[in-house]
Each structure stands twice: as structure tokens, then as C-alpha cells.
């Protein structure tokens, strides 16, 4: 059953999530034409990645498995200079899309391809349509015209949904900054004043041994709490603002995000950080990227808080299929003890067991060993390029 154009435009423009827009485009591309199948992939030119986002007439699991580096899709560069759809003959399909997609969707006939492009946000996605794996039917001019019409309206709706998400994220960031400022001007100042009063008592009063020990312990706890609060306030105020395609820190690469985490760690009185980056692999997807950054944040915090480390050394390896990050410290932590924490035993820690579960969920791995150079602990995390 075909969809009324006005109703379709209203549906697209009322969508508040990019996924809703793409699902509607994929469905309408088949309902309003003779196409049997459609697949939509989101394109991230900054990170150089393509990933499956929506489909109609195909297995959703195959859509999720599709994607890869932009360079594997020559059809994108060929379409960039044209607003019209491109019909790729069966004999040329293998030259335009990667073998992975051909196998996933069992493509043997011609396909119609159309970009989703926004004047404001640039390249957003790409739509593939065909008449099924066994068909050799060539798309008609009417079907291509409809696909163009759908793509234009969908690109506007996609842009609207992305900008709405960005607006909400910026509002959340402003609210986090307000809360952080209020805590800094209130709680932090009160804790700092309490620290000074304890120091005055220690310096000026004649106290017994038990009182002296108690004040020293209180001063240490106040100092540690004040340091942790300051680091937390920086995190709250900085908070990640999702970019137009769902990543946590906008267009920033993983290495840049890790540098930011380490800079905040050093500025907050934590261990002195050092970062070494090797390899030239493409950026991982948002889920894998967040796990790498989270591993550094967790490792740095634990090294200072529990291991009393003064130095941490982070090594980020960028591969073509896997990315790995290792955090070494010079602290006093025990590898055996941390391994128990990772398994969910030994104490009430939440951070590391949660990180381990997330790594396992995406097919990655996490390990703990002795740090050979700094003679403390090493926390390592490896994740696949795509967690989907």
C-alpha cells in the first residue's frame, strides 16, 4: 500500500530520532516503488566509517552487520557529484560496494543508490534499493524519481532530528555546568574551609596522641575528598556532548578524548600522565570508542585513588580490526586483587566489573598484569573496530 506524500512528509518531519527517520525512509522506499529491499547506512565522513542503520525487506541482523571504512564504498565518491540516483549494473556492483555487503544481502542484480545529503550537515547516509536477490529487473525512471523525492525529504528530517539532539545535549551541558558551579562555590568551599580549620587545630592545640592521630586521619580524608570532588566537577562540567552521529565527544578522535581525560586527571591532582599513540587504523565506532576512553578514565582514577600512584603511562594502539589501550601505573595495587574485582568479587567496586561486562558484550577483552616499566599495575582493554 502506497503512502500519501503529505502524510509521508509529516511523518518524517515529526520524527525526533534519526533512527525513526531512517526506518521510515527504508519502508517508504519499498512501499512507494517496485523495489523489494532497501538498506540505509549512516555515513560519518569525519571518522571515515559507514554502518548499517535501517532496512526493509531484509534481515535486521544483516543490516547491523553491514558497514566498514568509507574507502570500501567507491559508490559514495561517485555519487557525491550528482544529486540523482545511481543505477549500478550487476556487473559493476562488486566494484562499488565491499564483498561483505554482497555476501550479506546476496546481491546479483542491479541496485539503485541515493545519498542522503544535507546542505547544513553534509553527507548523512546512503540508501541502497533493489528488486530482490534473484531479480535482474532494472529500476524504472518513476522509481528513481520517487527515490530522489524520498531522499530529499528524509535528509531534511534527518537534519532536523540531529539538530534537535544537539540542542538537547547543549541544554544538558549548560545544566551540568550550572550544577558544577554551584557545587564548586558551595560544597567545595566548605570542605576547603574545614580543611583549614583542621590544620589550625593540628598546629595550635596541645592534643593527646589519639586526638592527633584522629585529626591527621581527618585531614587526609578531607584532602582526598576535596581532590576527588574537584575532578568530578571537571567531569560534570565537561560532560560529553553527542555529535551529529551519536558519538560522545563530537568530532574528536579517541586519542584526543583520552588526552582530555589525562589532562583533567593531572589538573585534578592525580598521577602525572603520559600518552603514547601508535598505529594508523580507522576510528572505531561509538560504542568501542567509549569503552577505550572509559578504560583510561577508570584506570587513571583507580591508580590514584587506590594505588596512590604518582605516574601513569597510557599506550593506545590503533589497528585495522582492533584497538587496544593499556594503562600502566607506579602504584601499590595488586594484580591478583584487581583480577578479583574484575570478576565481581573482593569488594563492592562497580566501575571495573561494569567495564569488564561491557567489553565482553561487544566481543572485546580486559586484562590486568604487572606494569613492567613503572613496576605497578597494567590495565588493558582491547575492542573490535565495530561493536555492532
Protein backbone atom coordinates (compact mmCIF):
# COMPACT_ATOMS: atom_id res chain seq x y z
CA UNK A 1 0.00 0.00 0.00
CA UNK A 2 1.47 3.36 -1.02
CA UNK A 3 1.95 6.24 1.40
CA UNK A 4 0.48 9.67 0.71
CA UNK A 5 3.31 12.20 0.07
CA UNK A 6 1.89 14.75 2.51
CA UNK A 7 1.45 12.11 5.17
CA UNK A 8 4.99 10.91 4.49
CA UNK A 9 6.46 14.41 4.85
CA UNK A 10 4.54 14.92 8.08
CA UNK A 11 5.86 11.59 9.38
CA UNK A 12 9.45 12.45 8.53
CA UNK A 13 9.37 15.98 9.92
CA UNK A 14 7.71 14.90 13.18
CA UNK A 15 10.42 12.35 13.93
CA UNK A 16 12.68 13.29 16.85
CA UNK A 17 15.22 10.47 16.50
CA UNK A 18 17.46 9.84 13.45
CA UNK A 19 16.68 6.11 13.64
CA UNK A 20 12.96 6.82 13.28
CA UNK A 21 13.66 8.85 10.13
CA UNK A 22 15.80 6.13 8.59
CA UNK A 23 13.27 3.41 9.36
CA UNK A 24 10.57 5.47 7.67
CA UNK A 25 12.75 6.09 4.60
CA UNK A 26 13.61 2.39 4.25
CA UNK A 27 9.96 1.39 4.47
CA UNK A 28 8.67 4.11 2.15
CA UNK A 29 11.34 3.35 -0.47
CA UNK A 30 9.71 -0.06 -0.96
CA UNK A 31 6.08 0.86 -0.29
CA UNK A 32 6.01 3.64 -2.88
CA UNK A 33 8.05 1.88 -5.60
CA UNK A 34 8.50 -1.59 -7.08
CA UNK A 35 11.66 -2.14 -5.04
CA UNK A 36 11.57 -5.20 -2.78
CA UNK A 37 14.50 -4.38 -0.49
CA UNK A 38 16.14 -1.25 0.90
CA UNK A 39 19.11 -0.71 3.21
CA UNK A 40 20.22 2.61 4.69
CA UNK A 41 23.71 3.19 6.02
CA UNK A 42 24.81 6.16 8.07
CA UNK A 43 28.00 7.81 6.81
CA UNK A 44 30.45 9.55 9.13
CA UNK A 45 32.95 11.37 6.86
CA UNK A 46 34.95 12.70 9.83
CA UNK A 47 35.69 9.27 11.26
CA UNK A 48 35.67 7.65 7.82
CA UNK A 49 33.09 4.98 8.69
CA UNK A 50 29.90 3.57 7.22
CA UNK A 51 27.46 1.48 9.28
CA UNK A 52 24.08 -0.11 8.70
CA UNK A 53 21.22 1.71 10.40
CA UNK A 54 17.88 0.68 8.84
CA UNK A 55 16.36 -1.70 6.32
CA UNK A 56 13.14 -3.03 4.85
CA UNK A 57 12.62 -6.48 3.35
CA UNK A 58 15.95 -7.68 4.79
CA UNK A 59 17.11 -9.35 7.98
CA UNK A 60 17.81 -6.62 10.63
CA UNK A 61 20.83 -8.61 11.83
CA UNK A 62 22.38 -8.26 8.38
CA UNK A 63 21.79 -4.51 8.45
CA UNK A 64 23.55 -4.30 11.82
CA UNK A 65 26.50 -6.29 10.45
CA UNK A 66 26.97 -4.08 7.39
CA UNK A 67 29.46 -1.23 7.29
CA UNK A 68 33.16 -0.53 7.29
CA UNK A 69 35.57 2.20 6.15
CA UNK A 70 34.23 4.80 3.69
CA UNK A 71 37.03 3.84 1.31
CA UNK A 72 35.40 0.43 0.84
CA UNK A 73 32.41 2.16 -0.81
CA UNK A 74 33.58 3.79 -4.07
CA UNK A 75 29.93 4.37 -4.91
CA UNK A 76 29.87 7.21 -2.35
CA UNK A 77 32.54 9.27 -4.11
CA UNK A 78 30.91 8.56 -7.46
CA UNK A 79 27.56 9.84 -6.18
CA UNK A 80 28.91 12.91 -4.40
CA UNK A 81 28.97 14.99 -7.56
CA UNK A 82 25.39 14.09 -8.53
CA UNK A 83 22.01 14.67 -6.90
CA UNK A 84 20.36 11.96 -9.00
CA UNK A 85 20.27 8.28 -8.00
CA UNK A 86 22.84 5.96 -9.49
CA UNK A 87 21.88 2.63 -11.04
CA UNK A 88 24.75 0.18 -10.71
CA UNK A 89 24.58 -2.76 -13.14
CA UNK A 90 25.09 -6.24 -11.73
CA UNK A 91 28.45 -6.48 -13.50
CA UNK A 92 29.74 -3.38 -11.66
CA UNK A 93 28.23 -3.85 -8.19
CA UNK A 94 31.33 -5.65 -6.88
CA UNK A 95 33.44 -2.60 -7.81
CA UNK A 96 31.17 -0.18 -5.93
CA UNK A 97 30.49 -1.90 -2.60
CA UNK A 98 32.58 -4.29 -0.45
CA UNK A 99 32.32 -8.06 -0.76
CA UNK A 100 30.92 -8.20 2.76
CA UNK A 101 27.73 -6.44 1.64
CA UNK A 102 27.38 -8.59 -1.45
CA UNK A 103 27.53 -11.72 0.70
CA UNK A 104 25.26 -10.35 3.42
CA UNK A 105 22.48 -9.35 1.06
CA UNK A 106 23.11 -11.87 -1.74
CA UNK A 107 23.23 -9.16 -4.43
CA UNK A 108 23.19 -10.42 -8.03
CA UNK A 109 21.16 -7.79 -9.87
CA UNK A 110 21.33 -4.03 -10.45
CA UNK A 111 20.95 -1.72 -7.45
CA UNK A 112 19.77 1.86 -7.13
CA UNK A 113 21.84 4.07 -4.84
CA UNK A 114 20.99 7.53 -3.48
CA UNK A 115 22.81 9.75 -0.98
CA UNK A 116 21.18 11.43 1.99
CA UNK A 117 22.79 14.86 1.97
CA UNK A 118 22.11 17.99 3.98
CA UNK A 119 23.32 21.46 2.97
CA UNK A 120 23.90 22.23 6.65
CA UNK A 121 25.38 18.96 7.96
CA UNK A 122 26.81 17.46 4.77
CA UNK A 123 26.75 13.76 3.94
CA UNK A 124 24.45 11.85 6.29
CA UNK A 125 23.82 8.48 4.73
CA UNK A 126 23.32 6.32 1.67
CA UNK A 127 20.26 4.35 0.50
CA UNK A 128 20.52 1.07 -1.44
CA UNK A 129 17.45 -0.44 -3.17
CA UNK A 130 16.93 -3.46 -5.40
CA UNK A 131 14.22 -5.86 -6.54
CA UNK A 132 15.45 -8.84 -4.55
CA UNK A 133 18.41 -11.22 -4.76
CA UNK A 134 17.05 -13.21 -7.73
CA UNK A 135 15.76 -10.29 -9.81
CA UNK A 136 17.54 -8.80 -12.81
CA UNK A 137 14.91 -6.07 -13.23
CA UNK A 138 16.33 -2.59 -13.86
CA UNK A 139 14.80 0.27 -11.80
CA UNK A 140 12.31 2.38 -13.71
CA UNK A 141 12.56 6.13 -14.17
CA UNK A 142 9.47 6.56 -11.97
CA UNK A 143 11.02 4.52 -9.16
CA UNK A 144 14.22 6.57 -9.33
CA UNK A 145 12.27 9.83 -9.26
CA UNK A 146 10.39 8.63 -6.17
CA UNK A 147 13.66 7.63 -4.52
CA UNK A 148 15.04 11.13 -5.15
CA UNK A 149 11.92 12.71 -3.67
CA UNK A 150 12.11 10.50 -0.59
CA UNK A 151 15.80 11.20 -0.09
CA UNK A 152 15.36 14.96 -0.22
CA UNK A 153 12.56 14.99 2.36
CA UNK A 154 14.33 12.40 4.51
CA UNK A 155 17.58 14.40 4.54
CA UNK A 156 15.71 17.43 5.89
CA UNK A 157 14.02 15.31 8.54
CA UNK A 158 17.30 13.60 9.42
CA UNK A 159 18.93 17.02 9.78
CA UNK A 160 16.09 18.24 11.99
CA UNK A 161 16.37 15.20 14.27
CA UNK A 162 20.15 15.57 14.56
CA UNK A 163 19.96 19.28 15.32
CA UNK A 164 17.26 18.63 17.92
CA UNK A 165 19.50 16.06 19.60
CA UNK A 166 22.39 18.54 19.55
CA UNK A 167 20.17 21.25 21.08
CA UNK A 168 19.04 18.95 23.89
CA UNK A 169 22.65 17.91 24.54
CA UNK A 170 23.80 21.52 24.75
CA UNK A 171 21.00 22.29 27.21
CA UNK A 172 22.12 19.33 29.33
CA UNK A 173 25.71 20.59 29.16
CA UNK A 174 24.66 24.05 30.35
CA UNK A 175 22.72 22.47 33.22
CA UNK A 176 25.72 20.34 34.19
CA UNK A 177 27.90 23.45 34.16
CA UNK A 178 25.42 25.27 36.41
CA UNK A 179 25.36 22.37 38.89
CA UNK A 180 29.15 22.10 38.84
CA UNK A 181 29.50 25.84 39.52
CA UNK A 182 27.02 25.66 42.41
CA UNK A 183 28.86 22.71 43.96
CA UNK A 184 32.20 24.46 43.50
CA UNK A 185 31.01 27.65 45.15
CA UNK A 186 29.23 25.79 47.95
CA UNK A 187 30.41 22.30 48.88
CA UNK A 188 33.98 22.70 47.68
CA UNK A 189 34.49 25.94 49.58
CA UNK A 190 33.00 24.46 52.76
CA UNK A 191 35.31 21.44 52.52
CA UNK A 192 38.29 23.69 51.91
CA UNK A 193 37.37 25.78 54.96
CA UNK A 194 37.03 22.61 57.06
CA UNK A 195 40.49 21.51 55.89
CA UNK A 196 41.99 24.84 57.03
CA UNK A 197 40.28 24.55 60.44
CA UNK A 198 41.67 21.07 60.94
CA UNK A 199 45.15 22.33 60.06
CA UNK A 200 44.78 25.16 62.59
CA UNK A 201 43.80 22.68 65.30
CA UNK A 202 46.78 20.48 64.48
CA UNK A 203 49.16 23.43 64.55
CA UNK A 204 47.88 25.35 67.57
CA UNK A 205 46.31 22.99 70.08
CA UNK A 206 48.02 20.76 72.62
CA UNK A 207 46.44 17.41 71.88
CA UNK A 208 46.84 13.88 73.07
CA UNK A 209 48.17 11.13 70.85
CA UNK A 210 44.72 9.76 69.93
CA UNK A 211 43.38 13.23 69.05
CA UNK A 212 46.47 13.99 66.95
CA UNK A 213 46.13 10.74 65.01
CA UNK A 214 42.41 11.38 64.55
CA UNK A 215 42.98 14.88 63.19
CA UNK A 216 45.65 13.62 60.80
CA UNK A 217 43.28 10.97 59.52
CA UNK A 218 40.51 13.56 59.16
CA UNK A 219 42.83 15.94 57.29
CA UNK A 220 43.85 13.17 54.89
CA UNK A 221 40.23 12.22 54.22
CA UNK A 222 39.18 15.82 53.68
CA UNK A 223 42.09 16.36 51.28
CA UNK A 224 41.29 13.21 49.31
CA UNK A 225 37.58 14.03 49.18
CA UNK A 226 38.31 17.58 48.05
CA UNK A 227 40.59 16.32 45.28
CA UNK A 228 38.03 13.76 44.10
CA UNK A 229 35.25 16.34 44.16
CA UNK A 230 37.28 18.74 42.03
CA UNK A 231 37.96 16.01 39.46
CA UNK A 232 34.27 15.08 39.47
CA UNK A 233 33.24 18.71 38.95
CA UNK A 234 35.51 18.97 35.91
CA UNK A 235 33.92 15.79 34.52
CA UNK A 236 30.40 17.09 35.19
CA UNK A 237 31.10 20.44 33.59
CA UNK A 238 32.93 18.95 30.59
CA UNK A 239 30.41 16.11 30.18
CA UNK A 240 30.28 14.53 26.59
CA UNK A 241 28.09 16.26 24.06
CA UNK A 242 26.90 13.76 21.44
CA UNK A 243 27.77 14.79 17.93
CA UNK A 244 25.54 14.56 14.89
CA UNK A 245 26.03 10.83 14.57
CA UNK A 246 25.90 9.63 18.13
CA UNK A 247 29.50 9.76 19.35
CA UNK A 248 30.30 11.04 22.81
CA UNK A 249 32.74 13.85 22.20
CA UNK A 250 31.65 15.36 18.92
CA UNK A 251 34.14 15.06 16.10
CA UNK A 252 37.03 14.35 18.46
CA UNK A 253 39.12 11.26 17.80
CA UNK A 254 39.63 8.67 20.53
CA UNK A 255 43.23 9.82 21.08
CA UNK A 256 42.04 13.39 21.62
CA UNK A 257 39.38 12.29 24.08
CA UNK A 258 41.95 10.26 26.01
CA UNK A 259 44.30 13.27 26.10
CA UNK A 260 41.45 15.32 27.57
CA UNK A 261 40.81 12.69 30.25
CA UNK A 262 44.51 12.60 31.17
CA UNK A 263 44.74 16.39 31.22
CA UNK A 264 41.86 16.55 33.69
CA UNK A 265 43.47 13.80 35.77
CA UNK A 266 46.73 15.73 36.03
CA UNK A 267 44.99 19.05 36.67
CA UNK A 268 42.92 17.50 39.45
CA UNK A 269 45.99 16.49 41.45
CA UNK A 270 46.07 12.91 40.19
CA UNK A 271 49.04 10.96 38.82
CA UNK A 272 51.23 12.64 36.21
CA UNK A 273 50.06 11.21 32.86
CA UNK A 274 51.85 10.28 29.65
CA UNK A 275 50.24 9.10 26.39
CA UNK A 276 51.82 7.13 23.53
CA UNK A 277 49.78 6.50 20.35
CA UNK A 278 50.81 4.03 17.64
CA UNK A 279 49.17 2.59 14.53
CA UNK A 280 47.07 4.08 11.74
CA UNK A 281 43.76 2.16 11.87
CA UNK A 282 40.39 3.86 11.21
CA UNK A 283 38.46 5.21 14.19
CA UNK A 284 36.29 2.63 15.99
CA UNK A 285 32.53 3.03 16.26
CA UNK A 286 30.94 4.99 19.11
CA UNK A 287 30.50 2.01 21.46
CA UNK A 288 34.09 0.77 21.13
CA UNK A 289 35.44 4.32 21.32
CA UNK A 290 33.57 4.98 24.55
CA UNK A 291 34.92 1.78 26.11
CA UNK A 292 38.51 2.77 25.32
CA UNK A 293 38.05 6.23 26.85
CA UNK A 294 36.20 4.79 29.83
CA UNK A 295 39.05 2.31 30.44
CA UNK A 296 41.55 5.18 30.65
CA UNK A 297 39.29 7.17 32.95
CA UNK A 298 38.72 4.17 35.23
CA UNK A 299 42.36 3.11 35.21
CA UNK A 300 43.66 6.61 35.98
CA UNK A 301 41.13 7.15 38.78
CA UNK A 302 41.86 3.79 40.42
CA UNK A 303 45.63 4.26 40.11
CA UNK A 304 45.47 7.50 42.08
CA UNK A 305 42.65 6.67 44.48
CA UNK A 306 43.52 3.10 45.46
CA UNK A 307 47.11 2.58 44.33
CA UNK A 308 48.39 6.04 45.36
CA UNK A 309 50.25 6.20 42.05
CA UNK A 310 52.26 9.27 41.08
CA UNK A 311 52.65 8.38 37.37
CA UNK A 312 50.56 6.69 34.71
CA UNK A 313 51.60 5.78 31.17
CA UNK A 314 48.90 5.11 28.57
CA UNK A 315 49.63 3.31 25.30
CA UNK A 316 46.94 3.43 22.60
CA UNK A 317 47.37 1.08 19.61
CA UNK A 318 45.18 1.79 16.56
CA UNK A 319 44.71 -1.29 14.38
CA UNK A 320 42.75 -2.13 11.28
CA UNK A 321 40.41 -4.52 13.12
CA UNK A 322 41.10 -3.97 16.85
CA UNK A 323 42.11 -1.05 19.06
CA UNK A 324 43.93 -1.60 22.34
CA UNK A 325 44.67 0.65 25.28
CA UNK A 326 46.96 -0.16 28.23
CA UNK A 327 47.21 1.96 31.37
CA UNK A 328 50.38 1.42 33.44
CA UNK A 329 50.98 2.98 36.86
CA UNK A 330 53.62 3.08 39.58
CA UNK A 331 51.13 2.45 42.38
CA UNK A 332 50.96 -0.22 45.07
CA UNK A 333 47.95 -2.12 43.73
CA UNK A 334 47.91 -5.91 43.48
CA UNK A 335 47.21 -7.56 40.13
CA UNK A 336 45.63 -10.53 41.91
CA UNK A 337 43.38 -8.21 43.91
CA UNK A 338 42.25 -6.28 40.84
CA UNK A 339 41.56 -9.52 38.97
CA UNK A 340 39.22 -10.48 41.80
CA UNK A 341 37.49 -7.13 41.46
CA UNK A 342 37.11 -7.67 37.71
CA UNK A 343 35.38 -10.95 38.38
CA UNK A 344 32.94 -9.21 40.73
CA UNK A 345 34.48 -10.48 43.98
CA UNK A 346 36.59 -8.99 46.69
CA UNK A 347 34.84 -5.67 47.34
CA UNK A 348 31.87 -3.55 46.36
CA UNK A 349 33.56 -1.88 43.40
CA UNK A 350 31.25 -1.12 40.46
CA UNK A 351 33.47 0.52 37.84
CA UNK A 352 35.82 -2.29 36.81
CA UNK A 353 33.27 -5.15 36.85
CA UNK A 354 30.92 -3.00 34.78
CA UNK A 355 33.73 -2.22 32.32
CA UNK A 356 34.55 -5.94 32.06
CA UNK A 357 30.92 -6.82 31.30
CA UNK A 358 30.69 -4.15 28.59
CA UNK A 359 33.92 -5.40 26.99
CA UNK A 360 32.58 -8.94 26.95
CA UNK A 361 29.28 -7.77 25.49
CA UNK A 362 30.96 -6.25 22.41
CA UNK A 363 33.38 -9.15 21.94
CA UNK A 364 36.39 -7.36 23.47
CA UNK A 365 38.60 -8.37 26.36
CA UNK A 366 40.11 -6.85 29.50
CA UNK A 367 43.17 -7.92 31.49
CA UNK A 368 45.34 -6.93 34.45
CA UNK A 369 49.04 -7.61 34.95
CA UNK A 370 52.17 -6.07 36.42
CA UNK A 371 53.43 -2.92 34.69
CA UNK A 372 56.99 -3.79 33.51
CA UNK A 373 58.46 -0.27 33.40
CA UNK A 374 56.61 1.57 36.17
CA UNK A 375 56.50 -1.52 38.44
CA UNK A 376 52.87 -1.01 39.35
CA UNK A 377 49.72 -2.27 37.63
CA UNK A 378 48.73 -2.54 33.99
CA UNK A 379 45.06 -2.42 32.97
CA UNK A 380 44.46 -3.40 29.35
CA UNK A 381 41.36 -3.29 27.14
CA UNK A 382 41.02 -4.45 23.52
CA UNK A 383 37.86 -3.85 21.47
CA UNK A 384 36.91 -4.58 17.86
CA UNK A 385 36.69 -1.73 15.40
CA UNK A 386 32.94 -2.19 15.27
CA UNK A 387 30.98 -3.32 18.31
CA UNK A 388 27.80 -3.92 16.29
